[in-house]
Each structure stands twice: as structure tokens, then as C-alpha cells.
Protein backbone atom coordinates (compact mmCIF):
# COMPACT_ATOMS: atom_id res chain seq x y z
CA MET A 1 66.91 30.63 -1.55
CA ARG A 2 65.44 31.37 1.87
CA CYS A 3 63.11 33.96 0.30
CA TYR A 4 61.77 31.34 -2.09
CA LEU A 5 61.27 28.89 0.78
CA ASN A 6 59.36 31.44 2.85
CA ALA A 7 57.20 32.31 -0.14
CA PHE A 8 56.46 28.61 -0.72
CA ILE A 9 55.42 28.08 2.92
CA LEU A 10 53.19 31.14 2.81
CA CYS A 11 51.50 29.81 -0.31
CA ILE A 12 50.82 26.47 1.36
CA VAL A 13 49.36 28.14 4.46
CA PHE A 14 47.23 30.43 2.34
CA THR A 15 45.97 27.53 0.24
CA PHE A 16 45.11 25.50 3.37
CA PHE A 17 43.04 28.28 4.90
CA SER A 18 41.36 29.01 1.57
CA VAL A 19 40.25 25.38 1.26
CA LEU A 20 39.10 25.39 4.88
CA TYR A 21 37.06 28.51 4.25
CA VAL A 22 35.43 27.03 1.15
CA PHE A 23 34.39 23.87 3.00
CA ASN A 24 33.05 25.92 5.88
CA GLN A 25 30.94 28.03 3.53
CA LEU A 26 29.70 24.92 1.72
CA ALA A 27 28.62 23.27 4.97
CA SER A 28 26.87 26.43 6.09
CA THR A 29 25.05 26.68 2.77
CA LEU A 30 23.87 23.07 2.95
CA GLU A 31 22.58 23.55 6.50
CA ASP A 32 20.71 26.70 5.49
CA ARG A 33 19.21 24.94 2.50
CA ASP A 34 18.07 21.97 4.60
CA ALA A 35 16.55 24.31 7.16
CA TRP A 36 14.77 26.22 4.41
CA ASP A 37 13.52 22.98 2.84
CA LEU A 38 12.08 21.86 6.17
CA LYS A 39 10.46 25.21 6.74
CA GLU A 40 9.07 25.25 3.21
CA GLN A 41 7.62 21.74 3.63
CA GLY A 42 6.06 22.63 6.96
CA THR A 43 7.97 19.98 8.90
CA PRO A 44 7.11 20.30 12.61
CA ASP A 45 9.37 19.97 15.59
CA ARG A 46 10.96 16.52 15.81
CA SER A 47 10.22 16.28 19.52
CA SER A 48 6.59 15.64 18.66
CA HIS A 49 5.54 12.05 17.91
CA ASP A 50 3.12 13.27 15.26
CA THR A 51 5.45 14.57 12.57
CA GLY A 52 2.67 15.96 10.45
CA HIS A 53 2.35 16.23 6.68
CA ARG A 54 5.51 16.86 4.76
CA LEU A 55 5.00 14.28 2.07
CA ARG A 56 4.35 14.30 -1.64
CA LYS A 57 1.14 15.06 -3.44
CA ARG A 58 2.42 13.75 -6.74
CA PRO A 59 1.94 10.01 -7.32
CA GLY A 60 4.51 7.41 -8.21
CA LEU A 61 8.26 7.79 -8.39
CA ALA A 62 8.17 11.51 -9.12
CA GLY A 63 6.59 12.20 -5.75
CA LEU A 64 8.97 9.90 -3.95
CA ARG A 65 11.85 11.88 -5.38
CA ASP A 66 10.27 14.98 -3.85
CA ARG A 67 10.40 13.27 -0.50
CA GLU A 68 14.16 12.71 -0.83
CA ARG A 69 14.61 16.41 -0.04
CA GLY A 70 13.41 15.80 3.52
CA PHE A 71 15.53 15.39 6.65
CA ASP A 72 17.47 12.34 7.75
CA ARG A 73 14.94 10.56 9.94
CA CYS A 74 17.65 8.41 11.50
CA LYS A 75 19.15 11.31 13.45
CA SER A 76 18.59 11.42 17.21
CA LEU A 77 16.01 8.64 17.17
CA SER A 78 15.92 5.42 19.13
CA VAL A 79 15.69 2.06 17.43
CA SER A 80 14.01 0.62 20.49
CA TYR A 81 10.90 2.82 20.30
CA TRP A 82 7.67 0.99 19.42
CA ASN A 83 4.14 2.35 19.23
CA PRO A 84 1.03 0.22 19.93
CA TYR A 85 1.20 -1.38 16.47
CA TRP A 86 3.21 -4.27 15.15
CA ARG A 87 5.45 -1.93 13.17
CA LEU A 88 8.03 0.79 13.60
CA PRO A 89 6.63 4.19 12.65
CA ALA A 90 8.02 5.64 9.45
CA ASP A 91 9.74 8.43 11.38
CA VAL A 92 11.56 6.11 13.76
CA CYS A 93 15.04 4.84 13.02
CA GLY A 94 14.60 1.11 12.58
CA VAL A 95 15.41 -1.53 10.00
CA ASN A 96 14.67 0.78 7.09
CA CYS A 97 17.04 3.43 8.35
CA ILE A 98 19.70 0.82 9.00
CA LEU A 99 19.34 -0.29 5.38
CA GLU A 100 19.41 3.31 4.20
CA SER A 101 22.49 3.97 6.33
CA SER A 102 24.26 1.04 4.71
CA LEU A 103 23.69 2.70 1.35
CA ARG A 104 25.24 6.03 2.31
CA GLY A 105 28.63 4.99 1.01
CA ARG A 106 27.14 4.60 -2.47
CA SER A 107 26.51 7.31 -5.00
CA GLY A 108 23.60 9.65 -4.37
CA SER A 109 21.74 8.51 -7.49
CA GLU A 110 22.02 4.86 -6.43
CA VAL A 111 20.66 5.59 -2.95
CA LYS A 112 17.80 7.59 -4.39
CA GLU A 113 16.99 4.83 -6.84
CA ARG A 114 16.84 2.23 -4.08
CA SER A 115 14.65 4.47 -1.90
CA ASP A 116 12.30 5.18 -4.80
CA GLU A 117 11.68 1.48 -5.38
CA ARG A 118 10.05 0.59 -2.07
CA SER A 119 6.39 -0.46 -2.04
CA HIS A 120 4.32 0.03 1.14
CA LEU A 121 1.83 -2.75 1.89
CA ALA A 122 -0.73 -2.79 4.73
CA VAL A 123 -2.96 -5.57 6.03
CA VAL A 124 -5.35 -5.84 8.97
CA ALA A 125 -5.43 -9.35 10.46
CA CYS A 126 -8.84 -10.09 12.01
CA GLY A 127 -9.60 -13.04 14.25
CA PRO A 128 -8.04 -16.36 13.20
CA ARG A 129 -6.42 -14.89 10.08
CA LEU A 130 -2.75 -15.27 11.02
CA GLU A 131 -2.11 -18.19 8.63
CA GLU A 132 -3.90 -16.42 5.80
CA THR A 133 -1.97 -13.22 6.45
CA LEU A 134 1.38 -15.01 6.44
CA THR A 135 0.53 -16.77 3.16
CA MET A 136 -0.41 -13.43 1.59
CA LEU A 137 2.87 -11.87 2.74
CA LYS A 138 4.74 -14.92 1.48
CA SER A 139 3.25 -14.51 -2.00
CA ALA A 140 4.31 -10.86 -1.99
CA VAL A 141 7.88 -11.64 -0.95
CA LEU A 142 8.30 -14.58 -3.33
CA LEU A 143 7.65 -12.66 -6.54
CA SER A 144 8.82 -9.12 -5.80
CA LYS A 145 12.20 -7.95 -7.00
CA LYS A 146 12.14 -4.63 -5.16
CA PRO A 147 12.01 -3.71 -1.43
CA LEU A 148 8.73 -4.09 0.45
CA HIS A 149 7.62 -2.31 3.62
CA PHE A 150 4.84 -4.06 5.56
CA TYR A 151 2.38 -2.51 8.03
CA ILE A 152 0.58 -5.30 9.91
CA PHE A 153 -2.30 -4.47 12.22
CA ALA A 154 -3.67 -7.07 14.61
CA GLU A 155 -7.23 -7.04 15.92
CA ASP A 156 -6.42 -5.99 19.49
CA ASP A 157 -3.95 -3.30 18.47
CA LEU A 158 -6.36 -0.62 17.39
CA HIS A 159 -5.28 2.98 17.32
CA ASP A 160 -5.93 4.88 20.57
CA SER A 161 -8.09 7.49 18.89
CA PHE A 162 -10.14 4.69 17.31
CA ARG A 163 -10.34 2.45 20.37
CA ASN A 164 -11.20 5.25 22.78
CA ALA A 165 -13.50 7.14 20.44
CA GLU A 166 -16.87 8.18 21.74
CA ASN A 167 -18.59 6.09 19.10
CA ALA A 168 -16.17 3.14 18.97
CA LYS A 169 -19.08 0.74 19.55
CA GLU A 170 -20.66 1.91 16.31
CA TRP A 171 -17.60 0.92 14.31
CA LYS A 172 -17.56 -2.51 15.95
CA LYS A 173 -21.03 -3.18 14.57
CA LEU A 174 -19.70 -3.07 11.01
CA PHE A 175 -19.62 -6.22 8.89
CA LYS A 176 -15.84 -6.41 9.35
CA PRO A 177 -15.09 -4.48 12.55
CA CYS A 178 -11.36 -5.16 12.33
CA ALA A 179 -11.03 -4.55 8.61
CA SER A 180 -12.88 -1.26 9.03
CA GLN A 181 -9.62 0.11 10.40
CA ARG A 182 -8.48 0.50 6.79
CA LEU A 183 -10.61 3.67 6.81
CA PHE A 184 -8.32 5.12 9.46
CA LEU A 185 -4.97 4.21 7.89
CA PRO A 186 -4.45 7.71 6.42
CA LEU A 187 -4.89 9.14 9.91
CA ILE A 188 -2.78 6.49 11.64
CA LEU A 189 0.13 6.26 9.19
CA LYS A 190 0.64 9.99 8.90
CA GLU A 191 4.21 9.66 7.68
CA VAL A 192 3.28 7.27 4.86
CA ASP A 193 2.55 8.94 1.56
CA SER A 194 1.20 6.09 -0.56
CA LEU A 195 -0.03 2.67 0.50
CA LEU A 196 -1.38 -0.56 -0.95
CA TYR A 197 -4.01 -2.03 1.37
CA VAL A 198 -5.03 -5.66 0.85
CA ASP A 199 -7.34 -8.08 2.65
CA THR A 200 -5.72 -11.11 4.25
CA ASP A 201 -7.26 -13.40 1.60
CA ILE A 202 -5.19 -11.86 -1.20
CA LEU A 203 -2.51 -13.77 -3.13
CA PHE A 204 -0.04 -12.02 -5.42
CA LEU A 205 0.60 -13.85 -8.68
CA GLN A 206 2.96 -11.18 -9.95
CA PRO A 207 5.30 -8.68 -8.24
CA VAL A 208 3.80 -6.11 -5.88
CA GLU A 209 5.73 -3.35 -7.64
CA ASP A 210 3.58 -3.89 -10.74
CA ILE A 211 0.41 -2.70 -9.02
CA TRP A 212 2.43 -0.07 -7.13
CA ALA A 213 3.44 1.34 -10.52
CA LEU A 214 -0.21 2.25 -11.15
CA LEU A 215 0.38 5.25 -8.90
CA SER A 216 2.27 6.82 -11.79
CA GLN A 217 -0.92 6.59 -13.88
CA PHE A 218 -2.94 8.71 -11.45
CA ASN A 219 -3.97 12.08 -12.82
CA SER A 220 -3.98 15.19 -10.62
CA SER A 221 -7.39 14.37 -9.08
CA HIS A 222 -6.96 10.64 -8.39
CA LEU A 223 -6.29 9.65 -4.79
CA ALA A 224 -7.34 5.96 -4.66
CA ALA A 225 -7.58 2.99 -7.00
CA MET A 226 -9.85 -0.06 -6.78
CA ALA A 227 -11.46 -2.64 -9.06
CA PRO A 228 -15.19 -2.79 -9.84
CA GLU A 229 -17.30 -5.00 -7.61
CA HIS A 230 -18.72 -6.66 -10.74
CA GLU A 231 -18.17 -6.54 -14.47
CA GLU A 232 -21.58 -7.97 -15.31
CA PRO A 233 -24.48 -5.81 -14.01
CA ARG A 234 -26.92 -8.73 -14.20
CA ILE A 235 -25.13 -10.39 -11.29
CA GLY A 236 -24.03 -7.18 -9.55
CA TRP A 237 -24.86 -6.76 -5.88
CA TYR A 238 -24.84 -2.97 -5.50
CA ASN A 239 -26.96 -2.19 -8.56
CA ARG A 240 -29.56 -4.78 -7.48
CA PHE A 241 -29.68 -4.57 -3.69
CA ALA A 242 -27.83 -1.52 -2.29
CA ARG A 243 -29.87 0.94 -0.23
CA HIS A 244 -27.23 3.64 -0.37
CA PRO A 245 -25.20 5.47 -3.06
CA TYR A 246 -22.36 3.53 -4.67
CA TYR A 247 -19.62 4.21 -7.18
CA GLY A 248 -20.26 3.76 -10.89
CA LYS A 249 -22.55 1.12 -12.34
CA THR A 250 -21.71 -1.81 -10.07
CA GLY A 251 -19.76 -0.35 -7.14
CA ILE A 252 -16.12 -0.91 -6.16
CA ASN A 253 -14.44 -3.69 -4.17
CA SER A 254 -12.03 -2.56 -1.46
CA GLY A 255 -10.12 -5.85 -1.02
CA VAL A 256 -7.24 -4.35 -3.00
CA MET A 257 -6.96 -0.60 -2.49
CA LEU A 258 -4.10 1.59 -3.69
CA MET A 259 -4.00 5.01 -2.04
CA ASN A 260 -2.15 8.28 -2.30
CA MET A 261 -2.77 9.06 1.36
CA THR A 262 -1.24 12.53 1.28
CA ARG A 263 -3.86 13.60 -1.22
CA LEU A 264 -6.55 11.76 0.71
CA ARG A 265 -5.65 13.61 3.92
CA ASP A 266 -5.65 16.97 2.13
CA LYS A 267 -8.85 16.65 0.11
CA TYR A 268 -12.22 18.14 1.01
CA PHE A 269 -14.91 15.64 -0.02
CA LYS A 270 -18.31 16.46 -1.45
CA ASN A 271 -21.07 14.62 0.40
CA ASP A 272 -24.81 14.30 0.99
CA LEU A 273 -24.53 15.35 4.63
CA THR A 274 -23.97 19.07 4.18
CA THR A 275 -23.26 21.59 1.45
CA VAL A 276 -19.83 22.07 2.98
CA ALA A 277 -17.05 19.76 1.76
CA LEU A 278 -15.48 17.73 4.58
CA LYS A 279 -12.05 16.26 5.19
CA TRP A 280 -11.54 12.51 5.57
CA GLU A 281 -11.54 12.52 9.37
CA GLU A 282 -14.68 14.67 9.42
CA ILE A 283 -16.78 12.60 7.06
CA LEU A 284 -16.46 9.04 8.38
CA MET A 285 -18.57 9.15 11.55
CA PRO A 286 -21.42 11.25 10.08
CA LEU A 287 -21.67 8.84 7.15
CA LEU A 288 -21.77 5.86 9.48
CA GLN A 289 -24.49 7.49 11.55
CA LYS A 290 -26.58 8.27 8.47
CA TYR A 291 -26.27 4.91 6.71
CA LYS A 292 -25.63 2.41 9.52
CA LEU A 293 -29.04 0.77 9.04
CA ASN A 294 -28.55 0.46 5.28
CA ILE A 295 -25.00 -0.81 4.86
CA THR A 296 -24.27 -4.52 4.44
CA TRP A 297 -20.57 -4.70 3.63
CA GLY A 298 -19.32 -2.29 6.28
CA ASP A 299 -16.35 -0.11 5.40
CA GLN A 300 -16.57 -1.03 1.69
CA ASP A 301 -20.04 0.48 1.59
CA LEU A 302 -18.77 3.69 3.18
CA LEU A 303 -16.03 3.90 0.55
CA ASN A 304 -18.64 3.44 -2.17
CA ILE A 305 -20.72 6.26 -0.72
CA ILE A 306 -17.73 8.62 -0.51
CA PHE A 307 -16.54 7.97 -4.06
CA HIS A 308 -20.08 8.10 -5.45
CA HIS A 309 -20.02 11.80 -4.57
CA ASN A 310 -16.36 12.21 -5.59
CA PRO A 311 -15.97 10.03 -8.71
CA GLU A 312 -13.14 12.16 -10.07
CA SER A 313 -10.97 10.94 -7.20
CA MET A 314 -11.22 7.24 -8.13
CA TYR A 315 -8.87 5.43 -10.50
CA VAL A 316 -10.48 2.14 -11.56
CA PHE A 317 -8.12 -0.70 -12.41
CA PRO A 318 -9.22 -3.90 -14.22
CA CYS A 319 -10.65 -6.99 -12.52
CA GLN A 320 -7.46 -9.01 -13.06
CA TRP A 321 -5.95 -7.00 -10.17
CA ASN A 322 -8.71 -8.25 -7.85
CA TYR A 323 -9.96 -11.57 -9.23
CA ARG A 324 -12.65 -13.17 -7.05
CA PRO A 325 -14.92 -16.24 -7.28
CA ASP A 326 -17.64 -13.97 -8.69
CA HIS A 327 -15.53 -13.67 -11.83
CA CYS A 328 -15.83 -17.37 -12.63
CA ILE A 329 -18.65 -19.10 -10.71
CA TYR A 330 -21.26 -17.74 -13.13
CA GLY A 331 -19.02 -18.27 -16.14
CA SER A 332 -15.91 -16.28 -16.96
CA ASN A 333 -16.69 -12.55 -16.82
CA CYS A 334 -13.30 -10.87 -16.42
CA GLN A 335 -12.19 -10.10 -19.95
CA GLN A 336 -8.80 -8.67 -18.95
CA ALA A 337 -7.91 -11.88 -17.10
CA GLU A 338 -8.90 -13.89 -20.16
CA GLN A 339 -6.34 -11.95 -22.15
CA GLU A 340 -3.45 -11.56 -19.70
CA GLY A 341 -4.17 -13.88 -16.78
CA VAL A 342 -4.93 -13.18 -13.13
CA PHE A 343 -2.56 -10.73 -11.43
CA ILE A 344 -3.99 -10.81 -7.88
CA LEU A 345 -6.24 -13.58 -6.57
CA HIS A 346 -8.85 -12.63 -3.96
CA GLY A 347 -10.26 -15.67 -2.16
CA ASN A 348 -13.18 -14.02 -0.40
CA ARG A 349 -16.10 -16.00 1.08
CA GLY A 350 -13.57 -18.31 2.75
CA VAL A 351 -12.88 -20.28 -0.43
CA TYR A 352 -9.29 -21.04 0.60
CA HIS A 353 -10.60 -23.14 3.48
CA ASP A 354 -13.57 -25.09 2.10
CA ASP A 355 -14.34 -27.26 -0.93
CA LYS A 356 -16.68 -24.87 -2.71
CA GLN A 357 -13.98 -23.49 -5.04
CA PRO A 358 -11.14 -26.04 -5.18
CA ALA A 359 -9.21 -24.03 -7.79
CA PHE A 360 -8.81 -21.10 -5.37
CA ARG A 361 -7.88 -23.46 -2.55
CA ALA A 362 -5.25 -25.15 -4.75
CA VAL A 363 -3.42 -21.85 -5.32
CA TYR A 364 -3.52 -21.01 -1.62
CA GLU A 365 -2.17 -24.40 -0.53
CA ALA A 366 0.55 -24.41 -3.20
CA ILE A 367 1.96 -21.10 -1.94
CA GLN A 368 1.47 -22.09 1.69
CA LYS A 369 3.41 -25.36 1.27
CA TYR A 370 6.23 -23.93 -0.83
CA LYS A 371 9.52 -23.62 1.09
CA PHE A 372 11.69 -20.57 0.63
CA GLY A 373 14.81 -21.40 -1.34
CA ASP A 374 13.29 -24.24 -3.36
CA ASN A 375 13.05 -23.99 -7.12
CA MET A 376 9.75 -22.21 -7.74
CA GLU A 377 9.12 -23.85 -11.07
CA THR A 378 9.46 -27.43 -9.78
CA SER A 379 8.24 -26.89 -6.19
CA LEU A 380 5.47 -24.35 -6.73
CA LEU A 381 4.31 -24.03 -10.33
CA ARG A 382 4.24 -27.70 -11.38
CA PRO A 383 2.48 -29.00 -8.23
CA LEU A 384 -0.06 -26.22 -8.61
CA GLU A 385 -0.75 -27.06 -12.25
CA GLU A 386 -1.28 -30.70 -11.29
CA SER A 387 -3.69 -29.74 -8.49
CA LEU A 388 -5.66 -27.46 -10.82
CA GLN A 389 -6.16 -30.24 -13.35
CA ILE A 390 -8.52 -32.06 -10.98
CA THR A 391 -10.70 -28.95 -10.47
CA THR A 392 -11.94 -28.66 -14.05
CA ASN A 393 -15.36 -30.04 -13.06
CA THR A 394 -16.11 -26.62 -11.48
CA TYR A 395 -16.70 -23.30 -13.24
CA CYS A 396 -13.64 -21.66 -11.68
CA GLY A 397 -11.61 -24.81 -12.33
CA ARG A 398 -12.31 -24.44 -16.04
CA ALA A 399 -10.75 -20.98 -15.88
CA SER A 400 -7.86 -22.10 -13.67
CA HIS A 401 -5.34 -21.77 -16.50
CA LEU A 402 -5.76 -18.04 -15.93
CA PHE A 403 -4.45 -18.49 -12.37
CA THR A 404 -1.07 -19.76 -13.55
CA LYS A 405 -0.60 -17.69 -16.69
CA LYS A 406 0.89 -14.62 -14.99
CA LEU A 407 2.42 -16.64 -12.16
CA LYS A 408 4.43 -18.64 -14.67
CA GLN A 409 5.70 -15.47 -16.30
CA SER A 410 6.64 -14.01 -12.92
CA ILE A 411 8.60 -17.13 -11.94
CA ILE A 412 10.43 -17.26 -15.27
CA SER A 413 11.28 -13.59 -14.91
CA LEU A 414 12.79 -14.20 -11.46
CA GLN A 415 14.84 -17.16 -12.59
């Protein structure tokens, strides 16, 4: 009997150490794999603030899944660290990491799915644009079903390399000196792979994730997406007045700009400055110096020049994603909006704050006055429809049913 007992104890001890050995080997293998992944992706030392380029080159959700292989950015980082911008850097453990940490108890597929869903939205608030910016953000939050990550830049919080640049005064002469910082977002937000930039006078009439999904439609050469400046060449500005190259037949409008910034940072751009292709950070100042006496619309003109020489890099989305007064003040000339409604309203020329285009102002004020938690159909949609009814004496007012078509669908979908 004692022999059997001794044999049983030996078996238990052997089994225990075998299991311990297996777990030890598994842990060692995982550490080696992580180290190899980091080395393979070129991830630099974490002690440096600039964590370099380790992000995806593929657009959409597929690329975001690639990023999941990276390290846990919440390790050994302080939540209290802030850089000169009104945001936590992507590599600093802040709210996002806290949210991600709360998901660690869930299955791996569920965590990955949640991480894949996030849309990154950037805005540059110039001058007295705080109210406008908050209303834009409110419209984004109201209709989106998936997580949003905001990057908000204020006028005085310019990046050190931009503010202290030798030629900083040149940039300040641009039509929109604050908004021109959008050109530097790929260099500032180095840890952000893809980004949706919008002007402060943008209002979302459908979820942000719907335009974010356009990233998945990029082909291998696309690195940015914008809408045409005009659909009707007879009223186009660039084709009639521009004194510099511009994209396509009527140029592009940069008020809504979707970017794969990893690709943008990596690309060498053809140009009319030299026979040598230049990277993004190398091309901006020479272009400004060459065309500074010929550009009217500042950074948008520079983007038109760049993509004129690199048209294969531009994905053009329809005008309903960037619907402006120009699409209705000369008669309705956005066919896609006629069919499906307006997806994103762009109230440029200050139309939210004057009486020139009351239909645009009605949408802005309806969203601004709406209180979070109220029923959106009774407290947002119906008051807006009533306000739009008294604008039908204007050209844009006659097309105002297009403003509520997609908004109504979005609200019904949420409820």
C-alpha cells in the first residue's frame, strides 16, 4: 500500500513540475515573439518621446488589425504626462488605455473588435471658433455608434517645430494661418496611422464611422481622400482663376480630409521643384516659397498643387460628404446629395452666423440647442424641419429637404 502511495505522490510532483515547465516555455516564447515583432516593425526605444513609425500601411480595418501586434502602450507610462497640445499623445497611457485595460478581461476577439472600431478625428480651432468647434464635436458624438478619438488643436498651441521654424512667419501669411497646421498633422501625430481632419464649420448628419469606412476603399496608391471643390466647371474657382496647378478639373476642397498618414509620411512626392521626388516634410516649404504670391486659399492651394502632380494618391469622394453653399446657391448641383441626402454639411463663408443662408444656420442652431439625453426625433429633427420650412424662399432653402434626409435615417437607426 505504501508503495502505491509513494508512486502516487511522485506522479503528482512530476505532473506539477511538467506543467510549470510548459508555462515557463510558453511565457518565454511569447516574450521572444513580442520582441521579434517589435524589432521587425522597427519600434524604437520607449524612452524616446518620438516613438517613430511602426504603424500600418494598409487602410481600414485590415491595417488596424496589423497594429494589434504592437506592444502594450500602457506599460511604464504616466497618465499625467501632457505635451503642448490639448490631447494625450497616442503613445501615452491615458483615457484610451484605461478603456483598453478595462477590456482585458474579455475575449481577445472582442477586445480587437472594439479597438478596430475607433475613428480618429482632428480639428484646428482658429480665433473665436470655440463654439463652432464644440457644435461640430457634438454632431459627431450624437450620431456615432462607435468610439471616437479627438485631437483638438488651439491657435496658440502650435507644434514647437512649426512655431520655432526659420520661416514660421511665411506660414502665418497664409489665408488660414491656424488651419494651415493641418499640413503638419502627419508630422505632429506620428503615432496616428489614419485621421479624419475637418474644419470647425463641419456638421455630421450621419455617423463618423461611415466616412471612416472609406479607408477600406483605398487602393494601394491612395493616401488621402477629399471632395471636389466644384461639380459644375462653369462656376468653379480653380479652373477659372487659379494661378497655380490644381487637382483634376475643378480642384479639391480640404474642409473634410481623410488621410492614411502612415502612407503619407512614407511617400516620395513628384513635384515641379526638382526632378527628385520629395517626402512630405521636404516639399511643404519649397512649395510655399515658389507659389506664395499666387495662392489664395492657403493650405488648400498647396494640397491642390501636391496632388496635381500625384493624382494617383487621391481618392475622390462625392460632394454629399462635403456639402457647401456652392452646391445650392446657384441651383442644386450635387447629384449624389439629390439621391441620398447630405452626409456632412460644410458651412463655410460664415453662413452659420449670418442671414445669407438661413437653411445652413437652421441646422447649426438646431444641433447647438439640442440637449444631450433628449429625444432626438422630437427635440432635434422636428424643430429643425420646422425651421427649414421658412427658408424655402432661398435657393439653399429649396434644397433643405436634403439636409434632413440622412439625418432622419441616422436618428431612426440610433433609436
